[in-house]
């Protein structure tokens, strides 16, 4: 009997394959990429803050049915391991990681350019 997918991808029972992503970036594009990622991260931070402060619901009627509904909604939206809030936080970490990687690449490009400039200066001074 096939298992229900619920939009998460087929469960093959095994460990998902490891995926490595490589992005080639022109050095001149790094500042604009970092700016775009920073803008996305800022918007995401706001959404996470809203989720933490505004999304949680309370039992609106004070009866067992609304109490159960509120509990299930909060669990699914904010508390479970596959909640919407967990997905937002995972995405936040990915954006931060991408920004850190871009900063490192930019630093490396600058270091190489400085080294090359120094070497050219030494060769021109002979």
Protein backbone atom coordinates (compact mmCIF):
# COMPACT_ATOMS: atom_id res chain seq x y z
CA UNK A 1 0.00 0.00 0.00
CA UNK A 2 1.60 3.34 -1.03
CA UNK A 3 2.21 5.94 1.65
CA UNK A 4 0.60 9.35 1.51
CA UNK A 5 3.02 11.99 0.14
CA UNK A 6 1.51 15.26 1.48
CA UNK A 7 3.79 17.34 -0.73
CA UNK A 8 7.04 16.28 0.93
CA UNK A 9 8.35 13.98 -1.81
CA UNK A 10 8.21 10.24 -2.05
CA UNK A 11 9.53 8.36 0.97
CA UNK A 12 11.89 5.70 -0.29
CA UNK A 13 12.81 4.59 3.21
CA UNK A 14 16.46 5.49 2.73
CA UNK A 15 18.63 8.46 3.51
CA UNK A 16 18.25 11.29 1.01
CA UNK A 17 21.27 11.77 -1.26
CA UNK A 18 23.80 14.41 -0.33
CA UNK A 19 23.62 17.38 -2.65
CA UNK A 20 26.45 19.81 -3.28
CA UNK A 21 25.73 23.13 -4.93
CA UNK A 22 28.30 25.27 -6.69
CA UNK A 23 27.66 28.79 -7.84
CA UNK A 24 30.10 30.64 -10.07
CA UNK A 25 29.98 34.36 -9.35
CA UNK A 26 31.78 37.20 -11.02
CA UNK A 27 33.64 39.22 -8.37
CA UNK A 28 31.85 42.41 -9.44
CA UNK A 29 28.46 40.79 -8.76
CA UNK A 30 29.18 39.86 -5.14
CA UNK A 31 28.12 43.17 -3.53
CA UNK A 32 24.74 43.16 -5.29
CA UNK A 33 24.20 39.49 -4.42
CA UNK A 34 25.00 40.14 -0.78
CA UNK A 35 22.59 43.09 -0.84
CA UNK A 36 19.82 40.95 -2.34
CA UNK A 37 20.39 38.20 0.22
CA UNK A 38 20.45 40.76 3.05
CA UNK A 39 17.12 42.17 1.85
CA UNK A 40 15.58 38.70 1.73
CA UNK A 41 16.97 37.91 5.17
CA UNK A 42 15.54 41.13 6.61
CA UNK A 43 12.08 40.29 5.26
CA UNK A 44 12.39 36.73 6.53
CA UNK A 45 13.45 37.92 9.99
CA UNK A 46 10.28 40.03 10.11
CA UNK A 47 8.13 37.05 9.14
CA UNK A 48 9.72 34.87 11.80
CA UNK A 49 9.13 37.58 14.42
CA UNK A 50 5.49 37.81 13.34
CA UNK A 51 5.16 34.04 13.53
CA UNK A 52 6.53 34.04 17.06
CA UNK A 53 4.36 36.91 18.30
CA UNK A 54 1.21 36.96 16.16
CA UNK A 55 0.48 33.50 14.74
CA UNK A 56 -0.14 31.49 17.91
CA UNK A 57 -3.87 31.10 18.51
CA UNK A 58 -5.80 30.65 21.71
CA UNK A 59 -8.98 28.63 22.10
CA UNK A 60 -11.54 31.17 20.92
CA UNK A 61 -14.68 29.62 22.41
CA UNK A 62 -13.21 28.11 25.55
CA UNK A 63 -14.69 24.73 24.69
CA UNK A 64 -12.83 21.44 24.12
CA UNK A 65 -13.25 21.63 20.33
CA UNK A 66 -11.67 25.08 19.98
CA UNK A 67 -9.00 24.10 22.50
CA UNK A 68 -8.08 21.05 20.43
CA UNK A 69 -8.14 23.08 17.20
CA UNK A 70 -5.90 25.78 18.67
CA UNK A 71 -3.49 23.18 20.02
CA UNK A 72 -3.28 21.41 16.66
CA UNK A 73 -2.85 24.66 14.76
CA UNK A 74 -0.04 25.84 17.05
CA UNK A 75 1.66 22.45 16.92
CA UNK A 76 1.57 22.32 13.12
CA UNK A 77 2.45 25.97 12.56
CA UNK A 78 5.02 26.63 15.26
CA UNK A 79 6.09 23.67 17.35
CA UNK A 80 6.52 20.45 15.39
CA UNK A 81 9.76 19.46 13.70
CA UNK A 82 8.25 20.07 10.27
CA UNK A 83 6.29 23.20 11.20
CA UNK A 84 6.10 26.31 9.09
CA UNK A 85 8.27 28.12 11.64
CA UNK A 86 10.93 25.40 11.41
CA UNK A 87 10.94 25.74 7.62
CA UNK A 88 11.35 29.53 7.93
CA UNK A 89 14.23 29.12 10.38
CA UNK A 90 15.91 26.57 8.11
CA UNK A 91 15.61 28.99 5.21
CA UNK A 92 17.01 31.75 7.43
CA UNK A 93 20.07 29.61 8.19
CA UNK A 94 20.56 28.87 4.49
CA UNK A 95 20.46 32.58 3.65
CA UNK A 96 22.94 33.36 6.42
CA UNK A 97 25.22 30.58 5.17
CA UNK A 98 25.05 31.91 1.62
CA UNK A 99 25.87 35.42 2.84
CA UNK A 100 28.81 34.10 4.86
CA UNK A 101 30.07 32.19 1.82
CA UNK A 102 29.78 35.29 -0.36
CA UNK A 103 31.69 37.35 2.22
CA UNK A 104 34.45 34.74 2.28
CA UNK A 105 34.66 34.61 -1.51
CA UNK A 106 34.77 38.40 -1.67
CA UNK A 107 37.58 38.45 0.90
CA UNK A 108 39.50 35.84 -1.09
CA UNK A 109 39.06 37.77 -4.34
CA UNK A 110 40.33 40.94 -2.68
CA UNK A 111 43.31 39.12 -1.19
CA UNK A 112 44.24 37.68 -4.59
CA UNK A 113 43.84 41.09 -6.23
CA UNK A 114 46.04 42.69 -3.55
CA UNK A 115 48.68 39.99 -4.04
CA UNK A 116 48.58 40.43 -7.81
CA UNK A 117 48.84 44.21 -7.49
CA UNK A 118 51.84 43.81 -5.18
CA UNK A 119 53.54 41.41 -7.57
CA UNK A 120 52.96 43.71 -10.52
CA UNK A 121 54.39 46.61 -8.54
CA UNK A 122 57.49 44.60 -7.67
CA UNK A 123 58.01 43.51 -11.27
CA UNK A 124 57.54 47.04 -12.59
CA UNK A 125 60.09 48.44 -10.11
CA UNK A 126 63.06 46.42 -11.45
